[in-house]
């Protein structure tokens, strides 16, 4: 998935730095928590290495994906995927509100893919309600749908806007495929605010990858949220945003981010804490360093990487094609709370 802040290209850097700081070489029954999990790429990588992973994200579409990757074991039998792929299209909520053929004025998906999405989403709810599939099968298939429909989206990168004409990749028929679920211990997945979850958990490694700027994920991925929830929400505006969205993050607010971050560090019952943050974030390098140093032994590593495409699309003043990712590291003093 073309996802804001994705760590797909930085996994090697993260693993190398985390293992160097901790001295760990594998999971060996240790607990790894990822409280801003997104697409689940980091947690899935650590599950594969034998860690017991705790995953969390406030967005429900992310929760669905992580339920599949962190708690699931894959479908095994592809009959469900085959059945869903054969369903005829249906004129449901997605087609009626986000496809041009319905007269909605929005063009997020081709008519065919919008109707196929509606048919599969409706079928999954029916199969779960009638207990024809297990909860695990439900989340595996729903995560596959989120992955498949995102590949067919008629957008430049995020769902803040749609293109005026259907692009070539969005014309391709949507096809569900089984997710590549990692082998490893079954983890635990939450769908809550990170600052609430932190008070319920403890472990060895805490990995934090909060939003860096004012770009709210609930707005930029509202389509995936609606498909995941299947709640037919009230929508507004040219882009069909969900009305009354309550998932805005304090980490996207210049006024609130520092207090929220320190509260998270203060309440973390983890020996090692790692924060991914780039050099253009709402918190400065100095502010992060100052907060983390209050709670233990601090160090930092950095790596240059290619800028996310949407940054240049949305901000024409940006000319640099790359930016720096900092991995702030803290070995927390035991019971270090202020």
Protein backbone atom coordinates (compact mmCIF):
# COMPACT_ATOMS: atom_id res chain seq x y z
CA UNK A 1 0.00 0.00 0.00
CA UNK A 2 1.22 3.49 -0.90
CA UNK A 3 0.92 4.69 2.68
CA UNK A 4 1.98 7.89 4.42
CA UNK A 5 4.96 7.13 6.66
CA UNK A 6 5.28 3.51 5.51
CA UNK A 7 8.43 1.86 6.84
CA UNK A 8 8.61 -0.73 4.05
CA UNK A 9 11.86 0.69 2.68
CA UNK A 10 13.31 1.27 6.15
CA UNK A 11 12.79 -2.16 7.73
CA UNK A 12 16.46 -3.10 7.38
CA UNK A 13 17.57 0.14 9.05
CA UNK A 14 15.05 -0.31 11.90
CA UNK A 15 16.04 -3.92 12.62
CA UNK A 16 19.76 -3.19 12.50
CA UNK A 17 19.48 -0.24 14.88
CA UNK A 18 17.06 -1.91 17.30
CA UNK A 19 19.18 -5.06 17.58
CA UNK A 20 22.36 -3.01 18.00
CA UNK A 21 20.88 -0.97 20.86
CA UNK A 22 19.13 -3.86 22.64
CA UNK A 23 21.65 -6.62 22.00
CA UNK A 24 18.77 -8.90 20.93
CA UNK A 25 19.20 -11.10 17.87
CA UNK A 26 15.70 -12.60 17.67
CA UNK A 27 12.34 -12.58 19.42
CA UNK A 28 12.92 -15.49 21.78
CA UNK A 29 9.57 -14.89 23.50
CA UNK A 30 10.13 -11.18 23.98
CA UNK A 31 7.33 -8.62 23.62
CA UNK A 32 7.44 -6.01 20.83
CA UNK A 33 4.74 -3.30 20.76
CA UNK A 34 3.88 -1.12 17.76
CA UNK A 35 1.33 1.51 18.80
CA UNK A 36 0.93 3.38 15.50
CA UNK A 37 0.88 0.27 13.34
CA UNK A 38 -0.48 1.53 10.02
CA UNK A 39 -0.14 -1.23 7.41
CA UNK A 40 1.48 -3.55 9.96
CA UNK A 41 4.76 -3.96 8.09
CA UNK A 42 6.94 -3.42 11.18
CA UNK A 43 4.96 -5.65 13.53
CA UNK A 44 4.73 -8.39 10.89
CA UNK A 45 8.51 -8.33 10.44
CA UNK A 46 9.10 -8.72 14.17
CA UNK A 47 6.45 -11.45 14.48
CA UNK A 48 8.35 -13.39 11.85
CA UNK A 49 11.46 -13.16 14.03
CA UNK A 50 9.68 -14.76 16.98
CA UNK A 51 8.52 -11.71 18.92
CA UNK A 52 5.15 -11.61 20.67
CA UNK A 53 3.73 -8.53 18.95
CA UNK A 54 1.26 -6.06 20.41
CA UNK A 55 -0.18 -3.92 17.63
CA UNK A 56 -2.43 -0.86 17.81
CA UNK A 57 -3.85 1.81 15.56
CA UNK A 58 -6.75 4.23 16.02
CA UNK A 59 -7.87 3.69 12.40
CA UNK A 60 -10.20 0.72 11.96
CA UNK A 61 -8.89 -0.26 8.51
CA UNK A 62 -5.45 -0.56 10.09
CA UNK A 63 -6.91 -2.63 12.94
CA UNK A 64 -8.42 -5.02 10.36
CA UNK A 65 -5.10 -5.39 8.53
CA UNK A 66 -3.18 -5.99 11.74
CA UNK A 67 -5.78 -8.51 12.98
CA UNK A 68 -4.87 -10.50 9.89
CA UNK A 69 -1.09 -10.03 10.06
CA UNK A 70 -0.47 -10.14 13.81
CA UNK A 71 -3.21 -12.41 15.19
CA UNK A 72 -4.05 -14.49 12.12
CA UNK A 73 -2.53 -17.55 10.49
CA UNK A 74 -3.69 -16.99 6.92
CA UNK A 75 -6.68 -18.58 5.24
CA UNK A 76 -4.96 -21.83 4.29
CA UNK A 77 -7.98 -22.79 2.18
CA UNK A 78 -8.51 -20.38 -0.72
CA UNK A 79 -12.15 -21.38 -1.31
CA UNK A 80 -13.40 -18.26 0.45
CA UNK A 81 -11.27 -15.95 -1.72
CA UNK A 82 -12.36 -17.83 -4.85
CA UNK A 83 -16.02 -17.52 -3.83
CA UNK A 84 -15.72 -13.77 -3.19
CA UNK A 85 -13.92 -13.13 -6.48
CA UNK A 86 -16.76 -14.81 -8.42
CA UNK A 87 -19.53 -12.66 -6.95
CA UNK A 88 -21.43 -10.42 -9.42
CA UNK A 89 -21.25 -6.70 -8.74
CA UNK A 90 -23.79 -4.94 -6.54
CA UNK A 91 -24.91 -1.30 -6.46
CA UNK A 92 -24.20 -0.53 -2.80
CA UNK A 93 -22.84 2.35 -0.72
CA UNK A 94 -19.41 2.57 -2.42
CA UNK A 95 -20.84 2.53 -5.95
CA UNK A 96 -23.62 4.98 -5.11
CA UNK A 97 -21.31 7.53 -3.48
CA UNK A 98 -17.81 7.10 -4.92
CA UNK A 99 -18.20 5.96 -8.55
CA UNK A 100 -18.99 8.16 -11.56
CA UNK A 101 -21.68 5.88 -13.02
CA UNK A 102 -23.96 6.47 -10.05
CA UNK A 103 -24.09 10.20 -10.70
CA UNK A 104 -22.36 10.97 -7.40
CA UNK A 105 -19.82 13.21 -9.08
CA UNK A 106 -17.01 11.28 -7.40
CA UNK A 107 -14.58 8.98 -9.19
CA UNK A 108 -12.55 7.06 -6.60
CA UNK A 109 -13.07 3.71 -8.33
CA UNK A 110 -14.29 2.39 -11.66
CA UNK A 111 -17.98 1.45 -11.62
CA UNK A 112 -17.11 -2.24 -11.92
CA UNK A 113 -14.66 -2.22 -9.02
CA UNK A 114 -16.97 -0.14 -6.85
CA UNK A 115 -19.81 -2.63 -7.36
CA UNK A 116 -17.48 -5.58 -6.81
CA UNK A 117 -16.32 -4.04 -3.53
CA UNK A 118 -19.93 -3.60 -2.42
CA UNK A 119 -20.79 -7.20 -3.27
CA UNK A 120 -17.81 -8.66 -1.40
CA UNK A 121 -18.30 -6.42 1.63
CA UNK A 122 -21.97 -7.35 1.92
CA UNK A 123 -21.22 -11.05 1.49
CA UNK A 124 -18.59 -11.02 4.24
CA UNK A 125 -21.05 -9.51 6.74
CA UNK A 126 -23.64 -12.15 5.85
CA UNK A 127 -21.17 -15.03 6.11
CA UNK A 128 -19.95 -13.83 9.51
CA UNK A 129 -23.45 -13.19 10.88
CA UNK A 130 -24.60 -16.68 9.86
CA UNK A 131 -21.39 -18.23 11.25
CA UNK A 132 -20.41 -19.67 7.88
CA UNK A 133 -16.93 -18.24 8.44
CA UNK A 134 -14.89 -17.72 11.60
CA UNK A 135 -13.83 -14.31 12.90
CA UNK A 136 -10.28 -15.06 11.78
CA UNK A 137 -11.45 -15.88 8.24
CA UNK A 138 -13.56 -12.73 8.25
CA UNK A 139 -10.61 -10.47 9.11
CA UNK A 140 -8.28 -12.28 6.70
CA UNK A 141 -10.72 -11.77 3.83
CA UNK A 142 -11.58 -8.19 4.81
CA UNK A 143 -7.89 -7.28 5.01
CA UNK A 144 -7.47 -8.80 1.54
CA UNK A 145 -10.33 -6.63 0.27
CA UNK A 146 -8.74 -3.46 1.70
CA UNK A 147 -5.47 -4.37 0.05
CA UNK A 148 -7.11 -5.19 -3.29
CA UNK A 149 -9.37 -2.12 -3.53
CA UNK A 150 -6.48 0.21 -2.64
CA UNK A 151 -4.54 -1.09 -5.65
CA UNK A 152 -7.50 -0.04 -7.85
CA UNK A 153 -8.02 3.42 -6.37
CA UNK A 154 -8.28 6.29 -8.85
CA UNK A 155 -6.09 8.62 -6.79
CA UNK A 156 -2.59 10.06 -7.00
CA UNK A 157 -1.63 8.58 -3.63
CA UNK A 158 -4.09 9.22 -0.78
CA UNK A 159 -7.88 9.63 -0.66
CA UNK A 160 -7.89 13.37 -0.08
CA UNK A 161 -8.88 13.72 -3.76
CA UNK A 162 -9.71 11.61 -6.81
CA UNK A 163 -8.49 11.96 -10.39
CA UNK A 164 -10.72 13.49 -13.06
CA UNK A 165 -10.24 10.53 -15.40
CA UNK A 166 -9.92 6.83 -14.58
CA UNK A 167 -6.21 5.98 -14.74
CA UNK A 168 -4.92 2.76 -16.25
CA UNK A 169 -4.26 0.92 -12.97
CA UNK A 170 -7.77 1.80 -11.71
CA UNK A 171 -9.33 0.22 -14.80
CA UNK A 172 -7.96 -3.23 -13.97
CA UNK A 173 -10.54 -5.57 -12.40
CA UNK A 174 -10.15 -5.88 -8.65
CA UNK A 175 -8.99 -9.35 -7.59
CA UNK A 176 -8.69 -10.52 -3.98
CA UNK A 177 -5.51 -12.36 -3.09
CA UNK A 178 -4.56 -14.03 0.17
CA UNK A 179 -2.33 -11.87 2.33
CA UNK A 180 1.21 -12.99 3.06
CA UNK A 181 0.75 -13.58 6.79
CA UNK A 182 4.03 -14.12 8.71
CA UNK A 183 4.63 -17.22 10.78
CA UNK A 184 5.30 -16.58 14.45
CA UNK A 185 3.60 -16.26 17.84
CA UNK A 186 0.00 -15.04 17.80
CA UNK A 187 -0.01 -11.40 18.86
CA UNK A 188 -2.57 -9.01 20.27
CA UNK A 189 -4.21 -6.15 18.36
CA UNK A 190 -5.94 -3.01 19.70
CA UNK A 191 -8.01 -0.29 18.01
CA UNK A 192 -7.56 2.55 20.50
CA UNK A 193 -5.70 5.77 21.18
CA UNK A 194 -2.03 4.96 21.80
CA UNK A 195 -1.92 6.97 25.03
CA UNK A 196 -4.70 4.78 26.44
CA UNK A 197 -3.25 1.46 25.28
CA UNK A 198 0.16 2.22 26.81
CA UNK A 199 -1.36 2.02 30.31
CA UNK A 200 -2.55 -1.55 29.70
CA UNK A 201 0.61 -3.18 28.33
CA UNK A 202 4.27 -3.84 29.13
CA UNK A 203 7.15 -5.52 27.39
CA UNK A 204 10.70 -5.39 26.05
CA UNK A 205 10.61 -3.12 22.98
CA UNK A 206 8.20 -0.27 22.31
CA UNK A 207 8.25 1.07 18.75
CA UNK A 208 6.54 4.40 18.05
CA UNK A 209 5.81 5.76 14.59
CA UNK A 210 3.28 8.57 15.16
CA UNK A 211 2.15 11.06 12.51
CA UNK A 212 4.85 13.66 11.84
CA UNK A 213 2.74 16.56 10.60
CA UNK A 214 -0.76 18.05 10.47
CA UNK A 215 -1.97 15.57 7.84
CA UNK A 216 -4.71 13.54 9.53
CA UNK A 217 -4.94 9.88 8.51
CA UNK A 218 -8.70 9.82 9.09
CA UNK A 219 -9.15 12.29 6.21
CA UNK A 220 -6.54 10.88 3.86
CA UNK A 221 -7.78 7.29 4.18
CA UNK A 222 -11.50 7.87 4.77
CA UNK A 223 -12.42 5.52 1.92
CA UNK A 224 -10.61 2.57 3.48
CA UNK A 225 -12.20 3.38 6.84
CA UNK A 226 -15.69 3.30 5.32
CA UNK A 227 -15.04 0.03 3.49
CA UNK A 228 -13.58 -1.56 6.62
CA UNK A 229 -16.46 -0.47 8.86
CA UNK A 230 -19.27 -0.92 6.28
CA UNK A 231 -21.25 1.57 8.35
CA UNK A 232 -22.73 3.67 5.50
CA UNK A 233 -21.81 6.97 7.24
CA UNK A 234 -23.14 10.42 6.54
CA UNK A 235 -20.69 12.03 4.14
CA UNK A 236 -19.95 15.57 3.02
CA UNK A 237 -18.19 17.65 0.41
CA UNK A 238 -16.64 17.01 -2.96
CA UNK A 239 -14.53 14.13 -1.67
CA UNK A 240 -17.25 12.45 0.42
CA UNK A 241 -15.51 12.70 3.78
CA UNK A 242 -17.09 10.95 6.76
CA UNK A 243 -19.15 13.34 8.92
CA UNK A 244 -18.34 13.58 12.64
CA UNK A 245 -15.02 11.75 12.38
CA UNK A 246 -13.60 11.26 15.89
CA UNK A 247 -10.23 9.72 15.08
CA UNK A 248 -8.13 12.86 14.83
CA UNK A 249 -4.72 12.42 16.40
CA UNK A 250 -3.11 14.76 18.92
CA UNK A 251 0.18 13.91 17.19
CA UNK A 252 -1.02 15.98 14.20
CA UNK A 253 -1.41 19.08 16.38
CA UNK A 254 1.51 21.44 17.02
CA UNK A 255 -0.19 22.54 20.22
CA UNK A 256 -0.81 19.06 21.63
CA UNK A 257 1.95 16.83 20.29
CA UNK A 258 4.68 17.46 22.89
CA UNK A 259 2.43 16.82 25.89
CA UNK A 260 0.98 13.68 24.28
CA UNK A 261 4.42 12.33 23.45
CA UNK A 262 5.80 12.88 26.95
CA UNK A 263 2.71 11.27 28.46
CA UNK A 264 3.34 8.23 26.28
CA UNK A 265 7.00 7.94 27.28
CA UNK A 266 6.21 8.51 30.96
CA UNK A 267 3.62 5.72 31.08
CA UNK A 268 5.58 3.20 28.99
CA UNK A 269 6.50 0.08 30.97
CA UNK A 270 9.13 -1.03 28.43
CA UNK A 271 12.88 -1.41 28.76
CA UNK A 272 13.64 -0.02 25.29
CA UNK A 273 11.70 2.67 23.40
CA UNK A 274 12.29 3.62 19.76
CA UNK A 275 10.70 6.60 18.02
CA UNK A 276 10.66 6.99 14.23
CA UNK A 277 10.42 10.66 13.28
CA UNK A 278 11.67 12.66 10.33
CA UNK A 279 13.49 15.97 10.20
CA UNK A 280 10.39 17.90 9.09
CA UNK A 281 8.04 16.85 11.91
CA UNK A 282 5.96 18.99 14.29
CA UNK A 283 8.38 18.20 17.13
CA UNK A 284 11.95 19.37 16.66
CA UNK A 285 14.94 17.11 17.11
CA UNK A 286 15.85 19.04 20.26
CA UNK A 287 12.39 18.72 21.78
CA UNK A 288 12.35 14.95 21.30
CA UNK A 289 15.87 14.56 22.71
CA UNK A 290 15.03 16.69 25.75
CA UNK A 291 11.91 14.67 26.58
CA UNK A 292 13.49 11.24 26.11
CA UNK A 293 16.65 12.11 28.09
CA UNK A 294 14.51 12.74 31.17
CA UNK A 295 13.64 9.05 31.30
CA UNK A 296 16.91 7.24 30.68
CA UNK A 297 19.86 6.68 28.35
CA UNK A 298 19.31 8.30 24.93
CA UNK A 299 20.91 7.81 21.51
CA UNK A 300 19.87 8.34 17.90
CA UNK A 301 20.44 6.92 14.42
CA UNK A 302 19.42 8.42 11.07
CA UNK A 303 18.95 7.41 7.45
CA UNK A 304 18.17 9.34 4.27
CA UNK A 305 15.19 8.06 2.29
CA UNK A 306 12.89 9.01 -0.59
CA UNK A 307 10.08 11.41 0.25
CA UNK A 308 6.49 10.09 0.21
CA UNK A 309 4.87 11.04 -3.11
CA UNK A 310 1.91 12.90 -1.57
CA UNK A 311 4.26 15.39 0.09
CA UNK A 312 5.23 16.86 -3.27
CA UNK A 313 1.70 16.53 -4.66
CA UNK A 314 0.15 18.51 -1.80
CA UNK A 315 2.94 21.01 -1.12
CA UNK A 316 4.32 22.58 -4.29
CA UNK A 317 6.99 24.41 -2.26
CA UNK A 318 8.79 21.14 -1.55
CA UNK A 319 11.64 20.55 -3.99
CA UNK A 320 13.84 18.00 -2.20
CA UNK A 321 13.19 14.41 -3.28
CA UNK A 322 14.50 12.91 -0.02
CA UNK A 323 14.35 13.50 3.70
CA UNK A 324 15.94 12.08 6.86
CA UNK A 325 14.38 9.49 9.15
CA UNK A 326 15.62 9.59 12.74
CA UNK A 327 15.28 6.60 15.03
CA UNK A 328 15.44 8.04 18.55
CA UNK A 329 16.43 5.35 21.06
CA UNK A 330 15.82 5.24 24.81
CA UNK A 331 16.87 2.69 27.37
CA UNK A 332 14.39 3.65 30.03
CA UNK A 333 15.30 3.77 33.69
CA UNK A 334 13.18 1.37 35.68
CA UNK A 335 10.12 3.11 37.16
CA UNK A 336 11.22 6.38 35.50
CA UNK A 337 8.10 8.51 35.82
CA UNK A 338 7.92 12.26 36.36
